[in-house]
Each structure stands twice: as structure tokens, then as C-alpha cells.
Protein backbone atom coordinates (compact mmCIF):
# COMPACT_ATOMS: atom_id res chain seq x y z
CA UNK A 1 99.62 128.86 16.63
CA UNK A 2 100.52 126.76 19.67
CA UNK A 3 101.03 128.40 23.00
CA UNK A 4 104.77 127.53 23.21
CA UNK A 5 105.25 128.99 19.72
CA UNK A 6 103.50 132.20 20.71
CA UNK A 7 105.64 132.49 23.84
CA UNK A 8 108.80 131.95 21.79
CA UNK A 9 107.81 134.67 19.35
CA UNK A 10 107.07 137.05 22.24
CA UNK A 11 110.52 136.35 23.72
CA UNK A 12 112.16 136.90 20.37
CA UNK A 13 110.35 140.21 19.90
CA UNK A 14 111.25 141.34 23.43
CA UNK A 15 114.90 140.45 22.80
CA UNK A 16 114.96 142.45 19.57
CA UNK A 17 113.37 145.48 21.25
CA UNK A 18 115.79 145.24 24.18
CA UNK A 19 118.75 145.22 21.79
CA UNK A 20 117.29 148.19 19.92
CA UNK A 21 116.90 150.02 23.22
CA UNK A 22 120.52 149.44 24.18
CA UNK A 23 121.71 150.39 20.71
CA UNK A 24 119.67 153.61 20.74
CA UNK A 25 120.95 154.49 24.23
CA UNK A 26 124.53 153.93 23.08
CA UNK A 27 123.88 156.04 19.97
CA UNK A 28 122.50 158.84 22.17
CA UNK A 29 125.78 158.90 24.10
CA UNK A 30 127.88 158.68 20.95
CA UNK A 31 125.93 161.58 19.42
CA UNK A 32 126.98 163.76 22.35
CA UNK A 33 130.70 162.95 22.45
CA UNK A 34 131.71 162.00 18.90
CA UNK A 35 133.39 163.87 17.36
CA UNK A 36 135.35 164.98 20.42
CA UNK A 37 134.73 168.60 21.28
CA UNK A 38 131.16 168.61 19.93
CA UNK A 39 129.89 170.09 23.19
CA UNK A 40 128.58 166.91 24.80
CA UNK A 41 130.01 167.69 28.24
CA UNK A 42 128.54 171.17 28.13
CA UNK A 43 125.13 169.78 27.12
CA UNK A 44 125.11 167.22 29.93
CA UNK A 45 126.45 169.57 32.61
CA UNK A 46 124.17 172.48 31.68
CA UNK A 47 121.19 170.13 31.44
CA UNK A 48 121.73 168.85 34.98
CA UNK A 49 122.25 172.37 36.31
CA UNK A 50 119.08 173.52 34.55
CA UNK A 51 117.09 170.64 36.06
CA UNK A 52 118.36 171.40 39.56
CA UNK A 53 117.65 175.12 39.22
CA UNK A 54 114.15 174.45 37.85
CA UNK A 55 113.37 172.11 40.77
CA UNK A 56 114.73 174.59 43.33
CA UNK A 57 112.72 177.41 41.74
CA UNK A 58 109.58 175.31 41.86
CA UNK A 59 110.12 174.66 45.57
CA UNK A 60 110.63 178.37 46.32
CA UNK A 61 107.51 179.17 44.32
CA UNK A 62 105.41 176.68 46.30
CA UNK A 63 106.89 177.17 49.77
CA UNK A 64 107.21 180.96 49.94
CA UNK A 65 105.34 184.17 49.26
CA UNK A 66 106.34 187.62 48.04
CA UNK A 67 109.74 188.24 46.40
CA UNK A 68 110.98 184.70 47.05
CA UNK A 69 107.96 183.23 45.24
CA UNK A 70 108.56 185.59 42.32
CA UNK A 71 112.23 184.59 42.23
CA UNK A 72 111.22 180.93 42.26
CA UNK A 73 108.82 181.42 39.35
CA UNK A 74 111.49 183.24 37.35
CA UNK A 75 113.99 180.47 38.07
CA UNK A 76 111.56 177.64 37.26
CA UNK A 77 110.74 179.22 33.90
CA UNK A 78 114.10 180.84 33.21
CA UNK A 79 116.26 177.74 33.70
CA UNK A 80 114.86 175.77 30.73
CA UNK A 81 114.61 178.97 28.67
CA UNK A 82 118.26 179.72 29.42
CA UNK A 83 119.25 176.22 28.34
CA UNK A 84 117.49 176.72 25.02
CA UNK A 85 119.26 180.06 24.46
CA UNK A 86 122.63 178.49 25.35
CA UNK A 87 122.16 175.60 22.93
CA UNK A 88 121.15 177.94 20.11
CA UNK A 89 123.93 180.47 20.76
CA UNK A 90 126.62 177.78 20.95
CA UNK A 91 125.11 175.85 18.00
CA UNK A 92 124.61 172.86 20.28
CA UNK A 93 120.94 172.34 19.54
CA UNK A 94 121.42 169.85 16.63
CA UNK A 95 123.58 167.63 18.86
CA UNK A 96 121.24 167.98 21.84
CA UNK A 97 118.15 167.31 19.73
CA UNK A 98 119.71 164.25 18.07
CA UNK A 99 120.71 162.79 21.41
CA UNK A 100 117.28 163.54 22.87
CA UNK A 101 115.47 161.80 19.99
CA UNK A 102 117.73 158.76 20.26
CA UNK A 103 117.22 158.60 24.02
CA UNK A 104 113.47 158.82 23.52
CA UNK A 105 113.65 155.91 21.08
CA UNK A 106 115.68 153.95 23.62
CA UNK A 107 113.09 154.51 26.34
CA UNK A 108 110.24 153.56 24.01
CA UNK A 109 111.90 150.32 22.94
CA UNK A 110 112.89 149.47 26.51
CA UNK A 111 109.40 149.94 27.91
CA UNK A 112 107.88 147.95 25.06
CA UNK A 113 110.37 145.13 25.55
CA UNK A 114 109.67 144.62 29.24
CA UNK A 115 106.87 142.16 30.08
CA UNK A 116 103.69 143.82 31.22
CA UNK A 117 102.55 143.34 34.83
CA UNK A 118 100.30 140.37 35.34
CA UNK A 119 96.67 141.50 35.13
CA UNK A 120 94.03 140.72 37.69
CA UNK A 121 92.52 137.26 37.68
CA UNK A 122 90.47 136.60 34.55
CA UNK A 123 86.90 137.86 34.68
CA UNK A 124 84.18 135.20 34.84
CA UNK A 125 81.02 135.14 32.71
CA UNK A 126 78.12 136.81 34.49
CA UNK A 127 74.39 136.27 34.41
CA UNK A 128 72.51 139.48 33.51
CA UNK A 129 70.84 140.99 36.59
CA UNK A 130 67.05 140.93 36.79
CA UNK A 131 66.51 143.86 39.18
CA UNK A 132 69.45 146.25 38.82
CA UNK A 133 69.32 149.59 40.66
CA UNK A 134 71.57 152.44 39.55
CA UNK A 135 72.23 155.61 41.55
CA UNK A 136 73.08 158.59 39.34
CA UNK A 137 74.41 162.01 40.26
CA UNK A 138 73.29 164.52 37.59
CA UNK A 139 75.97 167.02 38.69
CA UNK A 140 78.90 164.65 38.44
CA UNK A 141 81.44 165.17 35.69
CA UNK A 142 79.85 168.43 34.59
CA UNK A 143 76.51 166.83 33.78
CA UNK A 144 77.54 163.58 32.07
CA UNK A 145 74.36 161.80 33.15
CA UNK A 146 72.24 164.07 30.99
CA UNK A 147 74.81 164.60 28.23
CA UNK A 148 75.15 160.89 27.52
CA UNK A 149 71.50 160.00 28.14
CA UNK A 150 72.39 157.56 30.89
CA UNK A 151 68.96 157.50 32.55
CA UNK A 152 67.11 156.69 29.35
CA UNK A 153 69.60 154.02 28.26
CA UNK A 154 69.67 152.37 31.69
CA UNK A 155 65.89 152.22 31.92
CA UNK A 156 65.71 150.82 28.40
CA UNK A 157 67.97 147.99 29.59
CA UNK A 158 65.66 147.22 32.53
CA UNK A 159 67.39 149.11 35.35
CA UNK A 160 65.71 151.24 37.97
CA UNK A 161 67.40 154.62 38.24
CA UNK A 162 67.57 156.70 41.43
CA UNK A 163 68.65 160.30 40.85
CA UNK A 164 70.58 161.93 43.67
CA UNK A 165 69.69 165.43 44.95
CA UNK A 166 69.82 168.03 42.17
CA UNK A 167 69.65 171.21 44.29
CA UNK A 168 71.24 172.58 47.45
CA UNK A 169 67.78 172.65 49.06
CA UNK A 170 67.72 168.85 48.91
CA UNK A 171 70.56 168.72 51.44
CA UNK A 172 73.24 166.03 51.50
CA UNK A 173 72.17 162.66 50.18
CA UNK A 174 72.96 159.52 52.14
CA UNK A 175 73.88 157.35 49.15
CA UNK A 176 74.77 154.38 51.33
CA UNK A 177 71.30 154.43 52.88
CA UNK A 178 69.71 154.64 49.41
CA UNK A 179 71.76 151.62 48.38
CA UNK A 180 70.74 149.65 51.47
CA UNK A 181 67.10 150.48 50.80
CA UNK A 182 67.49 149.27 47.21
CA UNK A 183 68.84 145.96 48.52
CA UNK A 184 65.93 145.67 50.93
CA UNK A 185 63.56 146.22 48.00
CA UNK A 186 65.09 143.30 46.12
CA UNK A 187 67.90 144.75 43.99
CA UNK A 188 70.28 142.09 42.67
CA UNK A 189 72.84 144.64 41.41
CA UNK A 190 73.94 148.09 42.58
CA UNK A 191 75.59 150.66 40.34
CA UNK A 192 76.70 154.27 40.44
CA UNK A 193 77.11 157.01 37.85
CA UNK A 194 79.20 159.51 39.77
CA UNK A 195 82.57 160.27 41.29
CA UNK A 196 84.82 157.77 43.00
CA UNK A 197 83.81 158.88 46.50
CA UNK A 198 80.19 158.02 45.75
CA UNK A 199 81.29 154.81 44.02
CA UNK A 200 83.07 153.67 47.17
CA UNK A 201 80.08 154.20 49.48
CA UNK A 202 77.75 152.14 47.31
CA UNK A 203 80.45 149.56 46.58
CA UNK A 204 80.70 148.85 50.31
CA UNK A 205 76.98 148.12 50.50
CA UNK A 206 77.26 145.79 47.50
CA UNK A 207 80.22 144.01 49.11
CA UNK A 208 78.39 143.63 52.43
CA UNK A 209 75.51 141.87 50.63
CA UNK A 210 77.73 140.02 48.11
CA UNK A 211 75.98 141.71 45.18
CA UNK A 212 77.60 142.66 41.88
CA UNK A 213 78.54 146.31 41.49
CA UNK A 214 78.43 148.34 38.27
CA UNK A 215 80.83 151.27 37.75
CA UNK A 216 79.59 153.97 35.34
CA UNK A 217 82.38 156.41 34.46
CA UNK A 218 80.37 159.62 34.88
CA UNK A 219 82.76 161.35 37.28
CA UNK A 220 85.46 163.86 36.40
CA UNK A 221 88.61 161.76 36.47
CA UNK A 222 87.20 158.27 37.02
CA UNK A 223 90.39 156.74 38.40
CA UNK A 224 88.64 153.57 39.52
CA UNK A 225 86.98 153.15 36.11
CA UNK A 226 90.35 153.70 34.42
CA UNK A 227 92.04 150.95 36.38
CA UNK A 228 89.12 148.63 35.57
CA UNK A 229 89.71 149.31 31.86
CA UNK A 230 86.36 151.05 31.32
CA UNK A 231 85.65 153.65 28.65
CA UNK A 232 86.01 157.06 30.32
CA UNK A 233 85.06 159.03 27.21
CA UNK A 234 81.60 157.45 26.85
CA UNK A 235 80.08 156.29 30.15
CA UNK A 236 77.06 154.83 28.35
CA UNK A 237 79.26 151.94 27.21
CA UNK A 238 79.56 150.83 30.83
CA UNK A 239 75.85 149.97 30.73
CA UNK A 240 76.56 147.20 28.21
CA UNK A 241 77.48 145.06 31.22
CA UNK A 242 73.76 144.81 32.10
CA UNK A 243 73.14 142.57 29.09
CA UNK A 244 76.57 141.20 28.17
CA UNK A 245 78.92 141.35 31.11
CA UNK A 246 81.55 139.51 33.07
CA UNK A 247 82.48 139.63 36.71
CA UNK A 248 85.77 140.47 38.39
CA UNK A 249 86.54 140.39 42.10
CA UNK A 250 88.67 143.28 43.38
CA UNK A 251 89.85 144.61 46.73
CA UNK A 252 88.04 147.29 48.71
CA UNK A 253 89.90 149.69 50.99
CA UNK A 254 88.84 150.67 54.49
CA UNK A 255 89.93 153.78 56.39
CA UNK A 256 88.57 154.07 59.91
CA UNK A 257 85.44 152.16 58.89
CA UNK A 258 84.84 154.15 55.69
CA UNK A 259 85.35 152.45 52.30
CA UNK A 260 87.62 153.72 49.54
CA UNK A 261 88.33 152.47 46.04
CA UNK A 262 91.34 154.64 45.11
CA UNK A 263 93.31 156.59 47.69
CA UNK A 264 93.45 158.08 51.16
CA UNK A 265 95.60 161.24 51.38
CA UNK A 266 97.10 162.75 54.52
CA UNK A 267 99.14 165.89 54.98
CA UNK A 268 99.49 168.72 52.47
CA UNK A 269 96.85 167.64 49.97
CA UNK A 270 94.35 166.72 52.67
CA UNK A 271 94.87 170.09 54.37
CA UNK A 272 94.24 171.95 51.11
CA UNK A 273 91.00 170.15 50.21
CA UNK A 274 89.62 170.88 53.69
CA UNK A 275 89.45 174.59 52.90
CA UNK A 276 85.96 175.82 51.94
CA UNK A 277 87.25 177.82 48.97
CA UNK A 278 88.99 174.80 47.41
CA UNK A 279 86.02 173.54 45.38
CA UNK A 280 85.56 176.86 43.57
CA UNK A 281 89.22 177.85 43.18
CA UNK A 282 91.46 174.79 43.42
CA UNK A 283 94.71 176.21 42.01
CA UNK A 284 94.47 179.55 43.83
CA UNK A 285 93.62 177.88 47.14
CA UNK A 286 96.51 175.45 46.85
CA UNK A 287 99.01 178.20 46.04
CA UNK A 288 97.81 180.33 48.96
CA UNK A 289 98.02 177.43 51.39
CA UNK A 290 101.29 175.83 50.30
CA UNK A 291 103.74 178.22 52.04
CA UNK A 292 102.09 177.65 55.42
CA UNK A 293 101.80 173.90 54.93
CA UNK A 294 105.31 173.31 53.59
CA UNK A 295 107.48 175.69 55.57
CA UNK A 296 105.34 177.94 57.75
CA UNK A 297 104.50 175.48 60.48
CA UNK A 298 100.74 175.14 59.94
CA UNK A 299 101.02 171.81 58.23
CA UNK A 300 101.59 169.16 60.87
CA UNK A 301 104.04 166.37 60.14
CA UNK A 302 102.79 162.82 60.12
CA UNK A 303 104.20 159.58 61.46
CA UNK A 304 103.00 156.29 60.04
CA UNK A 305 103.52 152.60 60.64
CA UNK A 306 103.22 150.33 57.60
CA UNK A 307 103.43 146.68 58.66
CA UNK A 308 106.17 147.60 61.13
CA UNK A 309 108.07 150.00 58.87
CA UNK A 310 108.16 153.45 60.46
CA UNK A 311 107.76 156.60 58.35
CA UNK A 312 108.49 159.72 60.37
CA UNK A 313 107.70 163.42 59.91
CA UNK A 314 106.10 163.04 56.49
CA UNK A 315 104.62 166.15 54.85
CA UNK A 316 102.32 164.10 52.65
CA UNK A 317 101.23 160.50 52.75
CA UNK A 318 99.17 158.61 50.20
CA UNK A 319 97.68 155.18 50.86
CA UNK A 320 96.15 153.45 47.85
CA UNK A 321 93.92 150.45 47.27
CA UNK A 322 96.70 148.36 45.63
CA UNK A 323 99.98 150.00 44.61
CA UNK A 324 100.40 152.31 41.66
CA UNK A 325 102.83 151.31 38.95
CA UNK A 326 104.93 154.44 39.51
CA UNK A 327 105.47 156.37 42.75
CA UNK A 328 103.24 159.33 41.92
CA UNK A 329 102.41 161.18 45.16
CA UNK A 330 99.23 162.57 43.58
CA UNK A 331 98.00 159.14 42.60
CA UNK A 332 97.79 160.07 38.94
CA UNK A 333 99.29 156.84 37.70
CA UNK A 334 97.81 153.43 37.03
CA UNK A 335 97.29 150.37 39.16
CA UNK A 336 97.99 147.25 37.08
CA UNK A 337 96.06 145.08 39.53
CA UNK A 338 93.23 145.64 41.98
CA UNK A 339 93.24 142.20 43.61
CA UNK A 340 96.70 141.81 45.15
CA UNK A 341 95.48 142.35 48.69
CA UNK A 342 98.08 145.05 49.35
CA UNK A 343 97.98 148.77 50.08
CA UNK A 344 100.35 151.05 48.22
CA UNK A 345 102.12 153.60 50.45
CA UNK A 346 103.90 156.76 49.27
CA UNK A 347 105.40 159.18 51.77
CA UNK A 348 106.93 162.57 50.89
CA UNK A 349 109.28 164.62 53.05
CA UNK A 350 111.02 167.58 51.37
CA UNK A 351 112.81 170.00 53.67
CA UNK A 352 114.04 172.61 51.21
CA UNK A 353 115.19 173.52 47.71
CA UNK A 354 118.17 171.14 47.83
CA UNK A 355 116.00 168.13 48.60
CA UNK A 356 113.46 169.24 45.99
CA UNK A 357 116.29 169.27 43.45
CA UNK A 358 117.39 165.80 44.57
CA UNK A 359 113.82 164.56 44.11
CA UNK A 360 113.80 165.95 40.56
CA UNK A 361 117.15 164.35 39.69
CA UNK A 362 116.92 161.00 41.49
CA UNK A 363 113.17 160.48 41.42
CA UNK A 364 112.03 157.45 43.40
CA UNK A 365 115.56 156.90 44.74
CA UNK A 366 115.66 160.26 46.53
CA UNK A 367 115.74 160.47 50.31
CA UNK A 368 112.56 162.55 50.30
CA UNK A 369 110.37 159.78 48.87
CA UNK A 370 109.34 156.52 50.54
CA UNK A 371 107.55 153.89 48.47
CA UNK A 372 106.40 150.56 49.88
CA UNK A 373 103.46 148.18 50.23
CA UNK A 374 101.65 147.00 53.33
CA UNK A 375 98.56 145.21 54.59
CA UNK A 376 97.92 147.69 57.40
CA UNK A 377 98.89 151.35 57.71
CA UNK A 378 98.41 153.37 60.89
CA UNK A 379 98.84 157.16 60.70
CA UNK A 380 99.59 159.18 63.84
CA UNK A 381 99.44 162.88 64.65
CA UNK A 382 99.82 165.06 67.72
CA UNK A 383 96.28 166.45 67.30
CA UNK A 384 93.19 164.51 68.31
CA UNK A 385 91.89 164.50 64.73
CA UNK A 386 93.41 164.32 61.26
CA UNK A 387 92.28 165.99 58.02
CA UNK A 388 91.95 163.26 55.43
CA UNK A 389 91.01 163.17 51.73
CA UNK A 390 89.23 159.90 51.01
CA UNK A 391 88.81 159.37 47.27
CA UNK A 392 89.07 163.16 46.98
CA UNK A 393 86.42 163.88 49.63
CA UNK A 394 87.48 166.07 52.58
CA UNK A 395 86.94 164.40 55.97
CA UNK A 396 88.19 164.76 59.52
CA UNK A 397 88.88 161.50 61.35
CA UNK A 398 89.98 160.74 64.94
CA UNK A 399 93.69 159.96 65.24
CA UNK A 400 95.30 157.54 64.84
CA UNK A 401 93.78 156.55 61.49
CA UNK A 402 94.04 152.94 60.35
CA UNK A 403 93.90 151.85 56.68
CA UNK A 404 93.33 148.22 55.70
CA UNK A 405 92.00 146.17 52.79
CA UNK A 406 89.16 143.72 52.33
CA UNK A 407 90.76 141.37 49.80
CA UNK A 408 88.57 140.56 46.78
CA UNK A 409 85.45 141.73 48.61
CA UNK A 410 83.85 143.51 45.67
CA UNK A 411 82.16 141.77 42.72
CA UNK A 412 82.46 144.23 39.83
CA UNK A 413 80.25 143.70 36.77
CA UNK A 414 82.09 144.81 33.64
CA UNK A 415 81.20 145.00 29.92
CA UNK A 416 83.10 142.51 27.80
CA UNK A 417 84.47 145.27 25.59
CA UNK A 418 86.76 147.50 27.64
CA UNK A 419 89.17 149.80 25.81
CA UNK A 420 91.56 150.21 28.74
CA UNK A 421 92.23 146.58 29.62
CA UNK A 422 95.81 146.61 28.29
CA UNK A 423 98.07 146.70 31.37
CA UNK A 424 100.24 149.80 31.77
CA UNK A 425 103.94 149.75 30.97
CA UNK A 426 106.13 148.48 33.84
CA UNK A 427 108.77 150.61 35.58
CA UNK A 428 111.93 150.91 33.51
CA UNK A 429 114.74 148.62 34.64
CA UNK A 430 117.89 148.62 32.51
CA UNK A 431 119.25 145.53 34.24
CA UNK A 432 116.26 143.55 32.96
CA UNK A 433 116.78 145.07 29.51
CA UNK A 434 120.34 143.70 29.45
CA UNK A 435 119.09 140.26 30.50
CA UNK A 436 116.42 140.31 27.79
CA UNK A 437 118.91 141.45 25.15
CA UNK A 438 121.76 139.00 25.82
CA UNK A 439 120.50 136.45 28.35
CA UNK A 440 119.89 133.77 25.70
CA UNK A 441 123.63 133.37 25.17
CA UNK A 442 123.93 131.76 28.58
CA UNK A 443 121.86 128.80 27.46
CA UNK A 444 119.42 127.15 29.82
CA UNK A 445 120.35 129.27 32.84
CA UNK A 446 119.91 132.48 30.89
CA UNK A 447 116.49 131.34 29.65
CA UNK A 448 115.53 130.66 33.26
CA UNK A 449 116.63 134.18 34.11
CA UNK A 450 114.46 135.57 31.32
CA UNK A 451 111.44 133.60 32.49
CA UNK A 452 112.04 134.72 36.06
CA UNK A 453 112.20 138.31 34.81
CA UNK A 454 108.77 137.89 33.19
CA UNK A 455 107.29 136.33 36.31
CA UNK A 456 108.52 139.10 38.57
CA UNK A 457 107.55 142.02 36.32
CA UNK A 458 104.10 142.31 37.85
CA UNK A 459 105.43 142.14 41.37
CA UNK A 460 107.93 144.91 40.65
CA UNK A 461 105.24 147.26 39.34
CA UNK A 462 104.45 150.05 41.72
CA UNK A 463 107.48 149.38 43.90
CA UNK A 464 110.78 151.20 43.94
CA UNK A 465 113.88 149.05 43.60
CA UNK A 466 115.60 148.66 46.92
CA UNK A 467 112.94 150.55 48.93
CA UNK A 468 110.94 147.51 49.82
CA UNK A 469 113.43 144.77 48.99
CA UNK A 470 113.06 142.91 52.25
CA UNK A 471 109.29 142.96 52.18
CA UNK A 472 108.31 142.33 48.58
CA UNK A 473 107.01 139.15 47.01
CA UNK A 474 103.70 138.29 45.57
CA UNK A 475 101.10 138.42 48.33
CA UNK A 476 97.86 136.90 47.35
CA UNK A 477 95.04 137.18 49.83
CA UNK A 478 92.28 134.74 49.29
CA UNK A 479 89.44 136.51 51.03
CA UNK A 480 86.25 137.70 49.51
CA UNK A 481 86.58 141.53 49.71
CA UNK A 482 87.81 144.56 46.59
CA UNK A 483 89.69 155.35 43.81
CA UNK A 484 89.21 159.75 44.03
CA UNK A 485 86.16 161.76 43.68
CA UNK A 486 87.63 164.55 41.65
């Protein structure tokens, strides 16, 4: 089928899905209020109250100790449980369930209808390396190197494997120095089987020498591998790139001279991961530290400057190598592109239970959340040094700390078959849904609006509407330079 015909069919499908989304959303409202007196107002009002109480309880649980923490836990759990009891006792659950199912269908159709963000530039065919060197951490990901036979498979494909220290007696391994030595010995490709922090250190060496870099998803979470579309369930499939691969240029982050591929975290999260007990008891350490960091005064507030935009007294700040598609302060979302030449910035400032409730209700539009993009971010603090989590690794850096990007600096070698290459769903925008559903009736101008909607979908991903309105726009950096060790 011709390209114009394919585009027309895609527009027709998107229009149908958009109409289905609006119809399902209308049906969800009708299900609540028709017939009159069916309890729709009670369902909506009690649902909002339950959400606010749950958010407030969560804040008290995190920010306090003793009886207040216990009260917060009871409220966070009791609010949704109380809603369920109310709906059953008042025989409202059939109406609530019907409306919820219809609303879920509306959201599904709406997200499917919206055009996906534009992916990174197409990958180029790559010549198989002749002297690849792969650094592998046997401890990473709970022993994935051994479990998936990565050493044996890599060596069978002609790679030289360097195993990182396997015991505490070996001391810390300077992976960057090992990578530089491999280059000096003639390596024409560098690769890493390990967490994102290790990936970043070796990636910087590859970028400095303009060598291709191979990502092997043998870490725990593998955020960088996920955003590259690699198979995170079977890291051995990443090795297929050695014989049948293609190359993609992506950005590489820099924080005070140290590379990062995913995120740099300041504030609450960075303070928690600095604690020695964090590695062995993550949840317990975080819960013990949160009251001091959030409301007890130990956690210092942060000021930041992002391309001239001032963020003041932030409790947590996350700077990412390219923006995430949704404003997730923990960086658990997806980045649709890794070559836009922009840093994603998310700042969080929650002063109490009321603002926590507002964050739960309003999401990215709340006053406690700042979402924007920038080319340069400078983070200030009153102390001489700042605790920082770089790709999940705990560091202490001299203040102020500057984050920048090296646009398209990193040549990543990828296997042709990548299960995660489909771009993530864009942020939901009901205004665009209306345009998709009925825009064609306006003739040529409406079609232009539809096409403009498709062109801007990728630029909107990872940004919050209105937060960065004066500073958005597709920024393409044409340099030569391109996640969290969990």
C-alpha cells in the first residue's frame, strides 16, 4: 500500500478510536447520573474525599513517626476500604463499577488514538566489530552473567570478556580505567553487562574515543536498556548485535564531570541512598529517614537554575538524560527519545498533608510539582557539598553541581530485533482527542490541525501542559555526544 494510503488509514483509525473514547467517557458520566438519584453524586464526592484522605494519610505515614505515622497508615489503608464498604452498603457498587469500566475503556481508546512520540533517528547498519571487549559484573542483577551464560556466548561470538572483581578482597574496580586500557590494546567496541552506573562510566570512554558501545541488560532494572528497546528478560539477546547489529547515536549526560545515562537525583532520594544501611535494607532505611528529611529539618532544601528558570526550596530534584514521558519523580517512566539534546527536570516541594492531597488530585498540575526541560541545570545548596545519586550510585559532589548533555555523543550498537522499540503512549490530552474525533469536519483547516497535532505529539511527551509553555519546541542539537544502577 502507498504511503499516503497508509497515513489515511492511520488517521481514520485514530479518529474512530477518539470518537470511541469520547463516547465511553460520556457513557461513564451517564452511568453515574441516569437514572436521577442513582447515587452518582455520592460516588463522585466520596471518591474525591477518599483520594484526599488516602494522600494525606500517606504523607503523615512518610513524614512522621510514632502515633501520627500509625494514624497515617490507618488512614491510607482505611480510606479506600471505607469507600468499598460504603458502596456495598448503599448498593452503589454496580453503578460505580460500571462507570469505572467505561472510564477505563475511554482512557484506553484515548491513549491508543493519540499519535506516538517521534522515535529517535533511525538506526544505521553497522559493521560487526573485529575486536570487541566486554566488561561483565558477575554480581549484577543477582548473578545474570552466570545465569544466562553471557561469558560463554560472548566469547563464542569473538568478544574478549573482562570480569569485574568478584569478592570484597578485590577492592573497588576502576571500570573506566579498564575500558581505557582495552582501547589502548586495540578494542574497536566497548560493552558492559552490569548496572546503569557501570554502563555510564564505560559509555563515556567509548564516546571519548568515538567507539561503538554495547549495552547488555544484566542489571536489576536496566532503565537505559529499556529506553533503547532491548530485551530485559534475556540479556543474551543483546549480544546478537555483535554479528547482526545497527548503530544509534544518543545523548550522554554529564554531572560535574561524571557521565550518566539515566538520572541524577538530589534531595530526599539522594540523602537516603547515602546511608550505609540502604543497600541491605532499602525500604526500612527509607522509612526511618523520611521524617527527618521531609519535616524534621535534616533534609536541606535545594535551589536550582534550569536555563534561567529558578526552582526554589525543592525537597527533591531529578535531572534526566532526555525528558521522561510522564512527570515521575522516581524516574520510573519511559523516555521516548534519547537524542533530543535536552535534560528533563522534575522538582518536588510538598509542605504538608494538604499539598500532598493536591498532588494526588491534580497530578502534574499541582503547585508542588515542577516539570520542565533545559540544556543546563545548576543546583545550589548552603553546604559546601551535595549528596547526589548518579544513576543510582551514591556520591558527594562539591556545590554548586552543574548538569549538562553531550548531544549524540554515544554510538550505541543494538541488535536488529528489539522487543521494546515501540514508543510509549503519549500523555493524555483530551483537547487533542476532540480534534482527532471531529476535526475533519472543518475541511482543510481541520486536517492541518490534525497533522499539527501529530507533529507535536513527540514534543509534548515528557512535558506538562502549561509548565514549560514559553520554553518548549523541538530542540535538536547536532553535536556528536549521547540511566540508574539499581
